[in-house]
PDB file of N, CA and C in Angstrom:
ATOM      1  N   UNK A   1     -37.651  39.706  25.594  1.00  0.00           N
ATOM      2  CA  UNK A   1     -36.360  39.335  25.839  1.00  0.00           C
ATOM      3  C   UNK A   1     -35.760  38.235  24.932  1.00  0.00           C
ATOM      4  N   UNK A   2     -36.669  37.143  24.654  1.00  0.00           N
ATOM      5  CA  UNK A   2     -36.151  36.639  23.593  1.00  0.00           C
ATOM      6  C   UNK A   2     -35.387  37.064  22.356  1.00  0.00           C
ATOM      7  N   UNK A   3     -35.884  37.982  21.978  1.00  0.00           N
ATOM      8  CA  UNK A   3     -35.048  38.588  20.235  1.00  0.00           C
ATOM      9  C   UNK A   3     -33.419  39.030  21.032  1.00  0.00           C
ATOM     10  N   UNK A   4     -33.505  39.606  22.222  1.00  0.00           N
ATOM     11  CA  UNK A   4     -31.993  40.099  22.649  1.00  0.00           C
ATOM     12  C   UNK A   4     -31.077  38.786  22.946  1.00  0.00           C
ATOM     13  N   UNK A   5     -31.947  37.957  23.246  1.00  0.00           N
ATOM     14  CA  UNK A   5     -31.088  36.281  23.765  1.00  0.00           C
ATOM     15  C   UNK A   5     -30.734  36.142  22.280  1.00  0.00           C
ATOM     16  N   UNK A   6     -31.452  35.650  21.087  1.00  0.00           N
ATOM     17  CA  UNK A   6     -31.097  35.307  20.069  1.00  0.00           C
ATOM     18  C   UNK A   6     -30.173  36.504  19.493  1.00  0.00           C
ATOM     19  N   UNK A   7     -29.935  37.519  19.725  1.00  0.00           N
ATOM     20  CA  UNK A   7     -29.413  38.693  18.739  1.00  0.00           C
ATOM     21  C   UNK A   7     -27.554  38.249  19.359  1.00  0.00           C
ATOM     22  N   UNK A   8     -27.751  38.075  20.628  1.00  0.00           N
ATOM     23  CA  UNK A   8     -26.618  37.812  21.419  1.00  0.00           C
ATOM     24  C   UNK A   8     -25.790  36.339  21.235  1.00  0.00           C
ATOM     25  N   UNK A   9     -26.696  35.629  20.891  1.00  0.00           N
ATOM     26  CA  UNK A   9     -25.950  34.672  20.411  1.00  0.00           C
ATOM     27  C   UNK A   9     -25.676  33.861  19.004  1.00  0.00           C
ATOM     28  N   UNK A  10     -26.040  34.976  18.238  1.00  0.00           N
ATOM     29  CA  UNK A  10     -25.310  34.674  16.676  1.00  0.00           C
ATOM     30  C   UNK A  10     -23.841  34.899  16.560  1.00  0.00           C
ATOM     31  N   UNK A  11     -22.974  34.260  15.865  1.00  0.00           N
ATOM     32  CA  UNK A  11     -21.369  34.293  15.580  1.00  0.00           C
ATOM     33  C   UNK A  11     -21.115  35.888  14.909  1.00  0.00           C
ATOM     34  N   UNK A  12     -22.069  36.328  14.360  1.00  0.00           N
ATOM     35  CA  UNK A  12     -21.553  37.659  14.074  1.00  0.00           C
ATOM     36  C   UNK A  12     -21.663  38.938  14.931  1.00  0.00           C
ATOM     37  N   UNK A  13     -22.401  38.364  15.970  1.00  0.00           N
ATOM     38  CA  UNK A  13     -22.389  39.607  17.221  1.00  0.00           C
ATOM     39  C   UNK A  13     -21.120  39.396  18.132  1.00  0.00           C
ATOM     40  N   UNK A  14     -20.310  37.987  17.808  1.00  0.00           N
ATOM     41  CA  UNK A  14     -19.531  37.861  19.100  1.00  0.00           C
ATOM     42  C   UNK A  14     -17.823  38.518  17.808  1.00  0.00           C
ATOM     43  N   UNK A  15     -17.925  38.454  16.570  1.00  0.00           N
ATOM     44  CA  UNK A  15     -16.974  38.618  15.474  1.00  0.00           C
ATOM     45  C   UNK A  15     -16.768  40.357  15.646  1.00  0.00           C
ATOM     46  N   UNK A  16     -15.608  40.648  15.809  1.00  0.00           N
ATOM     47  CA  UNK A  16     -15.488  41.901  16.205  1.00  0.00           C
ATOM     48  C   UNK A  16     -14.552  42.464  14.845  1.00  0.00           C
ATOM     49  N   UNK A  17     -15.599  43.456  14.492  1.00  0.00           N
ATOM     50  CA  UNK A  17     -14.806  44.186  12.720  1.00  0.00           C
ATOM     51  C   UNK A  17     -13.932  45.024  13.425  1.00  0.00           C
ATOM     52  N   UNK A  18     -13.214  45.117  12.820  1.00  0.00           N
ATOM     53  CA  UNK A  18     -11.737  46.676  12.603  1.00  0.00           C
ATOM     54  C   UNK A  18     -12.353  47.945  12.799  1.00  0.00           C
ATOM     55  N   UNK A  19     -12.268  48.856  13.066  1.00  0.00           N
ATOM     56  CA  UNK A  19     -12.603  50.239  12.706  1.00  0.00           C
ATOM     57  C   UNK A  19     -12.060  50.717  11.585  1.00  0.00           C
ATOM     58  N   UNK A  20     -12.474  50.482  10.425  1.00  0.00           N
ATOM     59  CA  UNK A  20     -11.910  51.017   9.501  1.00  0.00           C
ATOM     60  C   UNK A  20     -11.984  52.523   8.890  1.00  0.00           C
ATOM     61  N   UNK A  21     -13.245  52.776   9.148  1.00  0.00           N
ATOM     62  CA  UNK A  21     -13.747  54.146   8.923  1.00  0.00           C
ATOM     63  C   UNK A  21     -13.052  55.213   9.676  1.00  0.00           C
ATOM     64  N   UNK A  22     -12.251  54.691  10.444  1.00  0.00           N
ATOM     65  CA  UNK A  22     -11.278  55.970  11.483  1.00  0.00           C
ATOM     66  C   UNK A  22      -9.867  55.804  10.695  1.00  0.00           C
ATOM     67  N   UNK A  23      -9.817  55.351   9.648  1.00  0.00           N
ATOM     68  CA  UNK A  23      -8.125  55.597   9.083  1.00  0.00           C
ATOM     69  C   UNK A  23      -8.553  56.475   8.060  1.00  0.00           C
ATOM     70  N   UNK A  24      -7.550  57.466   7.838  1.00  0.00           N
ATOM     71  CA  UNK A  24      -7.401  58.763   6.996  1.00  0.00           C
ATOM     72  C   UNK A  24      -7.042  58.305   5.831  1.00  0.00           C
ATOM     73  N   UNK A  25      -6.038  57.515   5.737  1.00  0.00           N
ATOM     74  CA  UNK A  25      -5.013  57.291   4.469  1.00  0.00           C
ATOM     75  C   UNK A  25      -6.203  56.475   3.452  1.00  0.00           C
ATOM     76  N   UNK A  26      -6.412  56.734   2.457  1.00  0.00           N
ATOM     77  CA  UNK A  26      -7.012  56.254   1.519  1.00  0.00           C
ATOM     78  C   UNK A  26      -6.681  54.612   1.277  1.00  0.00           C
ATOM     79  N   UNK A  27      -5.443  54.491   0.745  1.00  0.00           N
ATOM     80  CA  UNK A  27      -4.681  52.981   0.883  1.00  0.00           C
ATOM     81  C   UNK A  27      -4.742  52.267   2.319  1.00  0.00           C
ATOM     82  N   UNK A  28      -4.733  52.903   3.164  1.00  0.00           N
ATOM     83  CA  UNK A  28      -4.485  52.442   4.482  1.00  0.00           C
ATOM     84  C   UNK A  28      -6.073  51.642   4.786  1.00  0.00           C
ATOM     85  N   UNK A  29      -6.981  52.392   4.328  1.00  0.00           N
ATOM     86  CA  UNK A  29      -8.479  52.111   4.726  1.00  0.00           C
ATOM     87  C   UNK A  29      -8.617  51.185   3.738  1.00  0.00           C
ATOM     88  N   UNK A  30      -8.829  51.259   2.521  1.00  0.00           N
ATOM     89  CA  UNK A  30      -8.609  49.890   1.668  1.00  0.00           C
ATOM     90  C   UNK A  30      -8.303  48.645   2.043  1.00  0.00           C
ATOM     91  N   UNK A  31      -6.960  48.620   2.624  1.00  0.00           N
ATOM     92  CA  UNK A  31      -6.548  47.304   2.677  1.00  0.00           C
ATOM     93  C   UNK A  31      -7.259  47.059   4.247  1.00  0.00           C
ATOM     94  N   UNK A  32      -7.300  47.703   5.227  1.00  0.00           N
ATOM     95  CA  UNK A  32      -8.027  47.368   5.963  1.00  0.00           C
ATOM     96  C   UNK A  32      -9.459  46.893   6.033  1.00  0.00           C
ATOM     97  N   UNK A  33      -9.987  47.281   5.043  1.00  0.00           N
ATOM     98  CA  UNK A  33     -11.164  46.592   4.282  1.00  0.00           C
ATOM     99  C   UNK A  33     -11.411  45.417   3.826  1.00  0.00           C
ATOM    100  N   UNK A  34     -10.052  45.224   3.220  1.00  0.00           N
ATOM    101  CA  UNK A  34      -9.438  44.093   2.389  1.00  0.00           C
ATOM    102  C   UNK A  34      -9.184  42.694   3.289  1.00  0.00           C
ATOM    103  N   UNK A  35      -8.458  43.455   4.577  1.00  0.00           N
ATOM    104  CA  UNK A  35      -8.289  42.237   5.581  1.00  0.00           C
ATOM    105  C   UNK A  35      -9.688  42.013   6.102  1.00  0.00           C
ATOM    106  N   UNK A  36     -10.343  42.549   6.398  1.00  0.00           N
ATOM    107  CA  UNK A  36     -11.552  42.559   7.044  1.00  0.00           C
ATOM    108  C   UNK A  36     -12.912  41.625   6.431  1.00  0.00           C
ATOM    109  N   UNK A  37     -12.644  41.760   5.061  1.00  0.00           N
ATOM    110  CA  UNK A  37     -13.480  41.408   4.118  1.00  0.00           C
ATOM    111  C   UNK A  37     -12.829  40.809   3.012  1.00  0.00           C
ATOM    112  N   UNK A  38     -12.117  39.754   2.904  1.00  0.00           N
ATOM    113  CA  UNK A  38     -11.248  39.092   1.927  1.00  0.00           C
ATOM    114  C   UNK A  38     -12.243  38.768   0.703  1.00  0.00           C
ATOM    115  N   UNK A  39     -11.938  39.132  -0.460  1.00  0.00           N
ATOM    116  CA  UNK A  39     -12.882  39.292  -1.699  1.00  0.00           C
ATOM    117  C   UNK A  39     -12.935  37.622  -2.148  1.00  0.00           C
ATOM    118  N   UNK A  40     -14.133  37.238  -2.619  1.00  0.00           N
ATOM    119  CA  UNK A  40     -14.653  36.068  -3.005  1.00  0.00           C
ATOM    120  C   UNK A  40     -14.153  35.194  -3.948  1.00  0.00           C
ATOM    121  N   UNK A  41     -13.814  34.151  -4.262  1.00  0.00           N
ATOM    122  CA  UNK A  41     -13.338  33.750  -5.375  1.00  0.00           C
ATOM    123  C   UNK A  41     -14.193  33.353  -6.705  1.00  0.00           C
ATOM    124  N   UNK A  42     -13.809  33.965  -7.689  1.00  0.00           N
ATOM    125  CA  UNK A  42     -14.579  33.964  -8.777  1.00  0.00           C
ATOM    126  C   UNK A  42     -14.921  32.579  -9.211  1.00  0.00           C
ATOM    127  N   UNK A  43     -15.911  32.177  -9.639  1.00  0.00           N
ATOM    128  CA  UNK A  43     -16.712  30.994 -10.262  1.00  0.00           C
ATOM    129  C   UNK A  43     -16.283  30.870 -11.514  1.00  0.00           C
ATOM    130  N   UNK A  44     -15.734  30.114 -12.565  1.00  0.00           N
ATOM    131  CA  UNK A  44     -15.252  29.882 -13.751  1.00  0.00           C
ATOM    132  C   UNK A  44     -16.709  30.206 -14.603  1.00  0.00           C
ATOM    133  N   UNK A  45     -16.530  30.900 -15.639  1.00  0.00           N
ATOM    134  CA  UNK A  45     -18.246  31.240 -16.599  1.00  0.00           C
ATOM    135  C   UNK A  45     -18.865  29.478 -16.733  1.00  0.00           C
ATOM    136  N   UNK A  46     -18.346  28.624 -17.093  1.00  0.00           N
ATOM    137  CA  UNK A  46     -18.933  27.498 -17.325  1.00  0.00           C
ATOM    138  C   UNK A  46     -18.817  26.489 -16.180  1.00  0.00           C
ATOM    139  N   UNK A  47     -18.709  26.481 -15.084  1.00  0.00           N
ATOM    140  CA  UNK A  47     -18.948  25.903 -14.076  1.00  0.00           C
ATOM    141  C   UNK A  47     -19.429  24.495 -13.921  1.00  0.00           C
ATOM    142  N   UNK A  48     -20.839  24.646 -14.730  1.00  0.00           N
ATOM    143  CA  UNK A  48     -21.552  23.462 -14.965  1.00  0.00           C
ATOM    144  C   UNK A  48     -21.526  22.945 -16.115  1.00  0.00           C
ATOM    145  N   UNK A  49     -20.634  23.277 -16.912  1.00  0.00           N
ATOM    146  CA  UNK A  49     -20.336  22.287 -18.228  1.00  0.00           C
ATOM    147  C   UNK A  49     -19.298  21.803 -17.821  1.00  0.00           C
ATOM    148  N   UNK A  50     -19.426  20.270 -18.437  1.00  0.00           N
ATOM    149  CA  UNK A  50     -18.070  19.067 -18.389  1.00  0.00           C
ATOM    150  C   UNK A  50     -17.631  19.552 -19.971  1.00  0.00           C
ATOM    151  N   UNK A  51     -16.258  20.052 -20.192  1.00  0.00           N
ATOM    152  CA  UNK A  51     -15.637  20.440 -21.470  1.00  0.00           C
ATOM    153  C   UNK A  51     -15.514  18.957 -22.077  1.00  0.00           C
ATOM    154  N   UNK A  52     -15.189  18.008 -21.392  1.00  0.00           N
ATOM    155  CA  UNK A  52     -14.845  17.034 -22.078  1.00  0.00           C
ATOM    156  C   UNK A  52     -16.325  16.179 -22.583  1.00  0.00           C
ATOM    157  N   UNK A  53     -17.458  16.767 -22.432  1.00  0.00           N
ATOM    158  CA  UNK A  53     -18.738  16.053 -22.869  1.00  0.00           C
ATOM    159  C   UNK A  53     -18.796  16.455 -24.758  1.00  0.00           C
ATOM    160  N   UNK A  54     -17.938  17.582 -25.082  1.00  0.00           N
ATOM    161  CA  UNK A  54     -18.106  17.809 -26.431  1.00  0.00           C
ATOM    162  C   UNK A  54     -19.513  18.840 -26.631  1.00  0.00           C
ATOM    163  N   UNK A  55     -20.342  19.468 -25.365  1.00  0.00           N
ATOM    164  CA  UNK A  55     -21.283  20.536 -25.504  1.00  0.00           C
ATOM    165  C   UNK A  55     -20.488  21.946 -25.900  1.00  0.00           C
ATOM    166  N   UNK A  56     -21.159  22.428 -26.724  1.00  0.00           N
ATOM    167  CA  UNK A  56     -20.899  23.748 -27.603  1.00  0.00           C
ATOM    168  C   UNK A  56     -22.107  24.528 -27.479  1.00  0.00           C
ATOM    169  N   UNK A  57     -22.150  25.835 -26.602  1.00  0.00           N
ATOM    170  CA  UNK A  57     -23.373  26.869 -26.435  1.00  0.00           C
ATOM    171  C   UNK A  57     -23.745  26.982 -27.669  1.00  0.00           C
ATOM    172  N   UNK A  58     -24.575  26.866 -28.351  1.00  0.00           N
ATOM    173  CA  UNK A  58     -25.138  27.717 -29.678  1.00  0.00           C
ATOM    174  C   UNK A  58     -25.320  29.298 -29.730  1.00  0.00           C
ATOM    175  N   UNK A  59     -25.446  29.836 -28.701  1.00  0.00           N
ATOM    176  CA  UNK A  59     -25.773  31.259 -28.469  1.00  0.00           C
ATOM    177  C   UNK A  59     -24.458  32.120 -28.212  1.00  0.00           C
ATOM    178  N   UNK A  60     -23.476  31.069 -27.923  1.00  0.00           N
ATOM    179  CA  UNK A  60     -22.349  32.236 -27.753  1.00  0.00           C
ATOM    180  C   UNK A  60     -21.605  32.798 -28.868  1.00  0.00           C
ATOM    181  N   UNK A  61     -21.655  32.086 -29.974  1.00  0.00           N
ATOM    182  CA  UNK A  61     -21.236  32.685 -31.564  1.00  0.00           C
ATOM    183  C   UNK A  61     -21.977  33.830 -31.630  1.00  0.00           C
ATOM    184  N   UNK A  62     -23.396  33.911 -31.346  1.00  0.00           N
ATOM    185  CA  UNK A  62     -24.541  34.848 -31.616  1.00  0.00           C
ATOM    186  C   UNK A  62     -24.342  36.182 -30.591  1.00  0.00           C
ATOM    187  N   UNK A  63     -24.121  35.895 -29.653  1.00  0.00           N
ATOM    188  CA  UNK A  63     -23.690  36.730 -28.550  1.00  0.00           C
ATOM    189  C   UNK A  63     -22.434  37.612 -28.823  1.00  0.00           C
ATOM    190  N   UNK A  64     -21.252  37.030 -29.202  1.00  0.00           N
ATOM    191  CA  UNK A  64     -19.938  37.934 -29.810  1.00  0.00           C
ATOM    192  C   UNK A  64     -20.594  38.476 -30.968  1.00  0.00           C
ATOM    193  N   UNK A  65     -20.930  38.476 -31.843  1.00  0.00           N
ATOM    194  CA  UNK A  65     -21.380  38.905 -32.952  1.00  0.00           C
ATOM    195  C   UNK A  65     -22.001  40.185 -32.703  1.00  0.00           C
ATOM    196  N   UNK A  66     -23.156  40.039 -31.588  1.00  0.00           N
ATOM    197  CA  UNK A  66     -23.913  41.260 -31.285  1.00  0.00           C
ATOM    198  C   UNK A  66     -23.320  41.918 -30.268  1.00  0.00           C
ATOM    199  N   UNK A  67     -22.221  41.581 -29.526  1.00  0.00           N
ATOM    200  CA  UNK A  67     -21.419  42.454 -28.644  1.00  0.00           C
ATOM    201  C   UNK A  67     -20.251  43.348 -29.573  1.00  0.00           C
ATOM    202  N   UNK A  68     -19.912  42.711 -30.627  1.00  0.00           N
ATOM    203  CA  UNK A  68     -19.014  43.389 -31.569  1.00  0.00           C
ATOM    204  C   UNK A  68     -19.885  44.331 -32.170  1.00  0.00           C
ATOM    205  N   UNK A  69     -20.897  44.145 -32.907  1.00  0.00           N
ATOM    206  CA  UNK A  69     -21.823  45.245 -33.115  1.00  0.00           C
ATOM    207  C   UNK A  69     -21.859  46.214 -32.341  1.00  0.00           C
ATOM    208  N   UNK A  70     -22.230  46.162 -31.174  1.00  0.00           N
ATOM    209  CA  UNK A  70     -22.464  47.368 -29.835  1.00  0.00           C
ATOM    210  C   UNK A  70     -21.595  47.733 -29.971  1.00  0.00           C
ATOM    211  N   UNK A  71     -20.273  47.712 -30.125  1.00  0.00           N
ATOM    212  CA  UNK A  71     -19.292  47.881 -29.724  1.00  0.00           C
ATOM    213  C   UNK A  71     -18.697  49.375 -30.763  1.00  0.00           C
ATOM    214  N   UNK A  72     -19.409  49.066 -31.795  1.00  0.00           N
ATOM    215  CA  UNK A  72     -18.840  50.213 -32.987  1.00  0.00           C
ATOM    216  C   UNK A  72     -20.017  51.056 -33.096  1.00  0.00           C
ATOM    217  N   UNK A  73     -20.983  50.689 -32.430  1.00  0.00           N
ATOM    218  CA  UNK A  73     -22.196  52.321 -32.533  1.00  0.00           C
ATOM    219  C   UNK A  73     -21.262  53.347 -31.250  1.00  0.00           C
ATOM    220  N   UNK A  74     -21.572  54.499 -32.290  1.00  0.00           N
ATOM    221  CA  UNK A  74     -20.621  55.858 -31.684  1.00  0.00           C
ATOM    222  C   UNK A  74     -21.915  56.460 -30.941  1.00  0.00           C
ATOM    223  N   UNK A  75     -21.789  56.665 -29.868  1.00  0.00           N
ATOM    224  CA  UNK A  75     -22.776  57.659 -29.089  1.00  0.00           C
ATOM    225  C   UNK A  75     -22.157  58.550 -28.398  1.00  0.00           C
ATOM    226  N   UNK A  76     -22.755  59.693 -29.273  1.00  0.00           N
ATOM    227  CA  UNK A  76     -22.094  61.138 -28.349  1.00  0.00           C
ATOM    228  C   UNK A  76     -20.787  62.045 -29.659  1.00  0.00           C
ATOM    229  N   UNK A  77     -20.862  61.044 -31.108  1.00  0.00           N
ATOM    230  CA  UNK A  77     -20.088  61.449 -32.067  1.00  0.00           C
ATOM    231  C   UNK A  77     -20.451  62.927 -32.676  1.00  0.00           C
TER     232      UNK A  77
END
């Protein structure tokens, strides 16, 4: 009895989700899901670093060089 009471008292149990699966049109179904579950805002890449402090990540330059080298690898040539 207790789990059923707890399950009914959660806010998610009261939220009525639209039936987006039943929509035939792909674009209409996508817009239905977008309205039901809006995208979350992206965090900035350096959210924890104060740019005014003058801190420079020593690994950013090395990471950029490695990424550039990996882009030049031909796979399946």
